Amino acid sequence: PSMARVDLNGKVALVTGAMRGIGFETA
């Protein structure tokens, strides 16, 4: 399978350690 760029619009993402710092800013 080819690996095209990820279009984040509409994608579902889970971020652990997300209440502050890098995790929060990433979310």
PDB file of all heavy atoms in Angstrom:
ATOM      1  N   PRO A   1       0.831  -1.211   0.000  1.00  0.00           N
ATOM      2  CA  PRO A   1       0.000   0.000   0.000  1.00  0.00           C
ATOM      3  C   PRO A   1       0.861   1.255   0.000  1.00  0.00           C
ATOM      4  O   PRO A   1       1.901   1.309   0.658  1.00  0.00           O
ATOM      5  CB  PRO A   1      -0.791  -0.114   1.309  1.00  0.00           C
ATOM      6  CG  PRO A   1      -0.717  -1.550   1.703  1.00  0.00           C
ATOM      7  CD  PRO A   1       0.586  -2.048   1.182  1.00  0.00           C
ATOM      8  N   SER A   2       0.445   2.249  -0.761  1.00  0.00           N
ATOM      9  CA  SER A   2       1.189   3.508  -0.766  1.00  0.00           C
ATOM     10  C   SER A   2       0.861   4.280   0.499  1.00  0.00           C
ATOM     11  O   SER A   2      -0.202   4.103   1.089  1.00  0.00           O
ATOM     12  CB  SER A   2       0.805   4.341  -1.998  1.00  0.00           C
ATOM     13  OG  SER A   2      -0.566   4.656  -1.958  1.00  0.00           O
ATOM     14  N   MET A   3       1.786   5.143   0.916  1.00  0.00           N
ATOM     15  CA  MET A   3       1.584   5.927   2.124  1.00  0.00           C
ATOM     16  C   MET A   3       1.548   7.402   1.754  1.00  0.00           C
ATOM     17  O   MET A   3       2.583   8.068   1.718  1.00  0.00           O
ATOM     18  CB  MET A   3       2.676   5.614   3.147  1.00  0.00           C
ATOM     19  CG  MET A   3       2.515   4.263   3.796  1.00  0.00           C
ATOM     20  SD  MET A   3       3.624   3.976   5.190  1.00  0.00           S
ATOM     21  CE  MET A   3       5.166   3.673   4.318  1.00  0.00           C
ATOM     22  N   ALA A   4       0.359   7.879   1.462  1.00  0.00           N
ATOM     23  CA  ALA A   4       0.176   9.282   1.127  1.00  0.00           C
ATOM     24  C   ALA A   4       0.308  10.117   2.389  1.00  0.00           C
ATOM     25  O   ALA A   4       0.213   9.611   3.512  1.00  0.00           O
ATOM     26  CB  ALA A   4      -1.194   9.488   0.490  1.00  0.00           C
ATOM     27  N   ARG A   5       0.513  11.404   2.214  1.00  0.00           N
ATOM     28  CA  ARG A   5       0.523  12.326   3.345  1.00  0.00           C
ATOM     29  C   ARG A   5      -0.786  12.219   4.110  1.00  0.00           C
ATOM     30  O   ARG A   5      -1.825  11.875   3.544  1.00  0.00           O
ATOM     31  CB  ARG A   5       0.722  13.760   2.856  1.00  0.00           C
ATOM     32  CG  ARG A   5       2.132  14.063   2.379  1.00  0.00           C
ATOM     33  CD  ARG A   5       2.188  15.455   1.798  1.00  0.00           C
ATOM     34  NE  ARG A   5       1.879  16.462   2.789  1.00  0.00           N
ATOM     35  CZ  ARG A   5       2.781  17.210   3.405  1.00  0.00           C
ATOM     36  NH1 ARG A   5       4.056  17.049   3.150  1.00  0.00           N
ATOM     37  NH2 ARG A   5       2.415  18.126   4.283  1.00  0.00           N
ATOM     38  N   VAL A   6      -0.742  12.522   5.374  1.00  0.00           N
ATOM     39  CA  VAL A   6      -1.925  12.460   6.216  1.00  0.00           C
ATOM     40  C   VAL A   6      -2.620  13.816   6.191  1.00  0.00           C
ATOM     41  O   VAL A   6      -2.045  14.834   6.575  1.00  0.00           O
ATOM     42  CB  VAL A   6      -1.553  12.092   7.667  1.00  0.00           C
ATOM     43  CG1 VAL A   6      -2.799  12.115   8.555  1.00  0.00           C
ATOM     44  CG2 VAL A   6      -0.886  10.729   7.722  1.00  0.00           C
ATOM     45  N   ASP A   7      -3.863  13.818   5.716  1.00  0.00           N
ATOM     46  CA  ASP A   7      -4.708  15.010   5.808  1.00  0.00           C
ATOM     47  C   ASP A   7      -5.446  14.913   7.129  1.00  0.00           C
ATOM     48  O   ASP A   7      -6.311  14.061   7.316  1.00  0.00           O
ATOM     49  CB  ASP A   7      -5.688  15.042   4.641  1.00  0.00           C
ATOM     50  CG  ASP A   7      -6.613  16.255   4.693  1.00  0.00           C
ATOM     51  OD1 ASP A   7      -6.496  17.066   5.639  1.00  0.00           O
ATOM     52  OD2 ASP A   7      -7.464  16.386   3.797  1.00  0.00           O
ATOM     53  N   LEU A   8      -5.115  15.767   8.077  1.00  0.00           N
ATOM     54  CA  LEU A   8      -5.652  15.659   9.424  1.00  0.00           C
ATOM     55  C   LEU A   8      -7.112  16.084   9.535  1.00  0.00           C
ATOM     56  O   LEU A   8      -7.764  15.771  10.534  1.00  0.00           O
ATOM     57  CB  LEU A   8      -4.794  16.488  10.395  1.00  0.00           C
ATOM     58  CG  LEU A   8      -3.439  15.853  10.718  1.00  0.00           C
ATOM     59  CD1 LEU A   8      -2.538  16.862  11.429  1.00  0.00           C
ATOM     60  CD2 LEU A   8      -3.626  14.605  11.569  1.00  0.00           C
ATOM     61  N   ASN A   9      -7.625  16.758   8.547  1.00  0.00           N
ATOM     62  CA  ASN A   9      -9.011  17.207   8.621  1.00  0.00           C
ATOM     63  C   ASN A   9      -9.956  16.001   8.707  1.00  0.00           C
ATOM     64  O   ASN A   9      -9.991  15.152   7.818  1.00  0.00           O
ATOM     65  CB  ASN A   9      -9.354  18.047   7.388  1.00  0.00           C
ATOM     66  CG  ASN A   9     -10.706  18.713   7.522  1.00  0.00           C
ATOM     67  OD1 ASN A   9     -11.053  19.234   8.579  1.00  0.00           O
ATOM     68  ND2 ASN A   9     -11.486  18.692   6.455  1.00  0.00           N
ATOM     69  N   GLY A  10     -10.696  15.905   9.819  1.00  0.00           N
ATOM     70  CA  GLY A  10     -11.630  14.806  10.017  1.00  0.00           C
ATOM     71  C   GLY A  10     -11.032  13.555  10.618  1.00  0.00           C
ATOM     72  O   GLY A  10     -11.766  12.621  10.969  1.00  0.00           O
ATOM     73  N   LYS A  11      -9.714  13.504  10.776  1.00  0.00           N
ATOM     74  CA  LYS A  11      -9.084  12.338  11.383  1.00  0.00           C
ATOM     75  C   LYS A  11      -9.288  12.368  12.901  1.00  0.00           C
ATOM     76  O   LYS A  11      -9.485  13.421  13.501  1.00  0.00           O
ATOM     77  CB  LYS A  11      -7.581  12.316  11.077  1.00  0.00           C
ATOM     78  CG  LYS A  11      -7.251  12.093   9.599  1.00  0.00           C
ATOM     79  CD  LYS A  11      -7.667  10.721   9.142  1.00  0.00           C
ATOM     80  CE  LYS A  11      -7.099  10.376   7.764  1.00  0.00           C
ATOM     81  NZ  LYS A  11      -7.650  11.199   6.691  1.00  0.00           N
ATOM     82  N   VAL A  12      -9.234  11.184  13.512  1.00  0.00           N
ATOM     83  CA  VAL A  12      -9.401  11.058  14.963  1.00  0.00           C
ATOM     84  C   VAL A  12      -8.039  10.758  15.577  1.00  0.00           C
ATOM     85  O   VAL A  12      -7.373   9.790  15.176  1.00  0.00           O
ATOM     86  CB  VAL A  12     -10.399   9.945  15.316  1.00  0.00           C
ATOM     87  CG1 VAL A  12     -10.580   9.857  16.832  1.00  0.00           C
ATOM     88  CG2 VAL A  12     -11.732  10.178  14.631  1.00  0.00           C
ATOM     89  N   ALA A  13      -7.619  11.579  16.534  1.00  0.00           N
ATOM     90  CA  ALA A  13      -6.294  11.447  17.142  1.00  0.00           C
ATOM     91  C   ALA A  13      -6.416  11.331  18.652  1.00  0.00           C
ATOM     92  O   ALA A  13      -7.175  12.071  19.286  1.00  0.00           O
ATOM     93  CB  ALA A  13      -5.420  12.650  16.791  1.00  0.00           C
ATOM     94  N   LEU A  14      -5.672  10.405  19.225  1.00  0.00           N
ATOM     95  CA  LEU A  14      -5.590  10.238  20.680  1.00  0.00           C
ATOM     96  C   LEU A  14      -4.218  10.682  21.144  1.00  0.00           C
ATOM     97  O   LEU A  14      -3.204  10.305  20.533  1.00  0.00           O
ATOM     98  CB  LEU A  14      -5.848   8.782  21.058  1.00  0.00           C
ATOM     99  CG  LEU A  14      -5.786   8.429  22.553  1.00  0.00           C
ATOM    100  CD1 LEU A  14      -6.854   7.394  22.893  1.00  0.00           C
ATOM    101  CD2 LEU A  14      -4.409   7.869  22.940  1.00  0.00           C
ATOM    102  N   VAL A  15      -4.179  11.472  22.209  1.00  0.00           N
ATOM    103  CA  VAL A  15      -2.918  11.972  22.766  1.00  0.00           C
ATOM    104  C   VAL A  15      -2.882  11.632  24.251  1.00  0.00           C
ATOM    105  O   VAL A  15      -3.762  12.040  25.011  1.00  0.00           O
ATOM    106  CB  VAL A  15      -2.770  13.493  22.582  1.00  0.00           C
ATOM    107  CG1 VAL A  15      -1.402  13.955  23.087  1.00  0.00           C
ATOM    108  CG2 VAL A  15      -2.971  13.899  21.121  1.00  0.00           C
ATOM    109  N   THR A  16      -1.870  10.888  24.689  1.00  0.00           N
ATOM    110  CA  THR A  16      -1.732  10.574  26.106  1.00  0.00           C
ATOM    111  C   THR A  16      -0.909  11.657  26.802  1.00  0.00           C
ATOM    112  O   THR A  16      -0.126  12.359  26.177  1.00  0.00           O
ATOM    113  CB  THR A  16      -1.061   9.204  26.317  1.00  0.00           C
ATOM    114  OG1 THR A  16       0.311   9.269  25.905  1.00  0.00           O
ATOM    115  CG2 THR A  16      -1.778   8.111  25.537  1.00  0.00           C
ATOM    116  N   GLY A  17      -1.106  11.780  28.123  1.00  0.00           N
ATOM    117  CA  GLY A  17      -0.404  12.817  28.877  1.00  0.00           C
ATOM    118  C   GLY A  17      -0.735  14.197  28.349  1.00  0.00           C
ATOM    119  O   GLY A  17       0.147  15.030  28.151  1.00  0.00           O
ATOM    120  N   ALA A  18      -2.047  14.461  28.140  1.00  0.00           N
ATOM    121  CA  ALA A  18      -2.455  15.619  27.349  1.00  0.00           C
ATOM    122  C   ALA A  18      -3.019  16.775  28.155  1.00  0.00           C
ATOM    123  O   ALA A  18      -3.514  17.733  27.571  1.00  0.00           O
ATOM    124  CB  ALA A  18      -3.484  15.184  26.302  1.00  0.00           C
ATOM    125  N   MET A  19      -2.939  16.735  29.486  1.00  0.00           N
ATOM    126  CA  MET A  19      -3.579  17.835  30.211  1.00  0.00           C
ATOM    127  C   MET A  19      -2.682  19.078  30.296  1.00  0.00           C
ATOM    128  O   MET A  19      -3.164  20.154  30.659  1.00  0.00           O
ATOM    129  CB  MET A  19      -4.016  17.392  31.608  1.00  0.00           C
ATOM    130  CG  MET A  19      -2.944  17.134  32.605  1.00  0.00           C
ATOM    131  SD  MET A  19      -3.700  16.641  34.199  1.00  0.00           S
ATOM    132  CE  MET A  19      -2.228  16.462  35.217  1.00  0.00           C
ATOM    133  N   ARG A  20      -1.422  18.954  29.919  1.00  0.00           N
ATOM    134  CA  ARG A  20      -0.551  20.122  29.882  1.00  0.00           C
ATOM    135  C   ARG A  20       0.684  19.795  29.045  1.00  0.00           C
ATOM    136  O   ARG A  20       0.857  18.686  28.550  1.00  0.00           O
ATOM    137  CB  ARG A  20      -0.137  20.554  31.289  1.00  0.00           C
ATOM    138  CG  ARG A  20       0.624  19.515  32.087  1.00  0.00           C
ATOM    139  CD  ARG A  20       1.138  20.104  33.397  1.00  0.00           C
ATOM    140  NE  ARG A  20       1.735  19.069  34.224  1.00  0.00           N
ATOM    141  CZ  ARG A  20       1.181  18.543  35.314  1.00  0.00           C
ATOM    142  NH1 ARG A  20      -0.005  18.960  35.712  1.00  0.00           N
ATOM    143  NH2 ARG A  20       1.799  17.606  36.013  1.00  0.00           N
ATOM    144  N   GLY A  21       1.556  20.786  28.894  1.00  0.00           N
ATOM    145  CA  GLY A  21       2.842  20.586  28.235  1.00  0.00           C
ATOM    146  C   GLY A  21       2.726  20.176  26.780  1.00  0.00           C
ATOM    147  O   GLY A  21       1.835  20.628  26.045  1.00  0.00           O
ATOM    148  N   ILE A  22       3.638  19.318  26.345  1.00  0.00           N
ATOM    149  CA  ILE A  22       3.689  18.897  24.947  1.00  0.00           C
ATOM    150  C   ILE A  22       2.379  18.234  24.533  1.00  0.00           C
ATOM    151  O   ILE A  22       1.867  18.468  23.437  1.00  0.00           O
ATOM    152  CB  ILE A  22       4.869  17.936  24.718  1.00  0.00           C
ATOM    153  CG1 ILE A  22       6.206  18.642  24.978  1.00  0.00           C
ATOM    154  CG2 ILE A  22       4.849  17.391  23.290  1.00  0.00           C
ATOM    155  CD1 ILE A  22       7.405  17.702  24.946  1.00  0.00           C
ATOM    156  N   GLY A  23       1.823  17.401  25.411  1.00  0.00           N
ATOM    157  CA  GLY A  23       0.602  16.693  25.065  1.00  0.00           C
ATOM    158  C   GLY A  23      -0.558  17.623  24.786  1.00  0.00           C
ATOM    159  O   GLY A  23      -1.279  17.474  23.786  1.00  0.00           O
ATOM    160  N   PHE A  24      -0.758  18.610  25.662  1.00  0.00           N
ATOM    161  CA  PHE A  24      -1.851  19.560  25.467  1.00  0.00           C
ATOM    162  C   PHE A  24      -1.652  20.375  24.198  1.00  0.00           C
ATOM    163  O   PHE A  24      -2.582  20.556  23.402  1.00  0.00           O
ATOM    164  CB  PHE A  24      -1.970  20.493  26.669  1.00  0.00           C
ATOM    165  CG  PHE A  24      -2.968  21.600  26.465  1.00  0.00           C
ATOM    166  CD1 PHE A  24      -4.329  21.332  26.470  1.00  0.00           C
ATOM    167  CD2 PHE A  24      -2.547  22.902  26.248  1.00  0.00           C
ATOM    168  CE1 PHE A  24      -5.258  22.343  26.264  1.00  0.00           C
ATOM    169  CE2 PHE A  24      -3.465  23.922  26.037  1.00  0.00           C
ATOM    170  CZ  PHE A  24      -4.827  23.645  26.042  1.00  0.00           C
ATOM    171  N   GLU A  25      -0.427  20.868  23.997  1.00  0.00           N
ATOM    172  CA  GLU A  25      -0.165  21.685  22.811  1.00  0.00           C
ATOM    173  C   GLU A  25      -0.321  20.865  21.535  1.00  0.00           C
ATOM    174  O   GLU A  25      -0.766  21.380  20.504  1.00  0.00           O
ATOM    175  CB  GLU A  25       1.240  22.293  22.891  1.00  0.00           C
ATOM    176  CG  GLU A  25       1.418  23.314  24.003  1.00  0.00           C
ATOM    177  CD  GLU A  25       0.579  24.578  23.803  1.00  0.00           C
ATOM    178  OE1 GLU A  25       0.148  24.846  22.656  1.00  0.00           O
ATOM    179  OE2 GLU A  25       0.366  25.295  24.795  1.00  0.00           O
ATOM    180  N   THR A  26       0.027  19.582  21.597  1.00  0.00           N
ATOM    181  CA  THR A  26      -0.154  18.720  20.428  1.00  0.00           C
ATOM    182  C   THR A  26      -1.630  18.522  20.123  1.00  0.00           C
ATOM    183  O   THR A  26      -2.059  18.606  18.968  1.00  0.00           O
ATOM    184  CB  THR A  26       0.539  17.357  20.655  1.00  0.00           C
ATOM    185  OG1 THR A  26       1.942  17.565  20.839  1.00  0.00           O
ATOM    186  CG2 THR A  26       0.319  16.426  19.471  1.00  0.00           C
ATOM    187  N   ALA A  27      -2.419  18.249  21.162  1.00  0.00           N
ATOM    188  CA  ALA A  27      -3.867  18.096  20.963  1.00  0.00           C
ATOM    189  C   ALA A  27      -4.466  19.376  20.373  1.00  0.00           C
ATOM    190  O   ALA A  27      -5.300  19.325  19.455  1.00  0.00           O
ATOM    191  CB  ALA A  27      -4.533  17.743  22.285  1.00  0.00           C
TER     192      ALA A  27
END
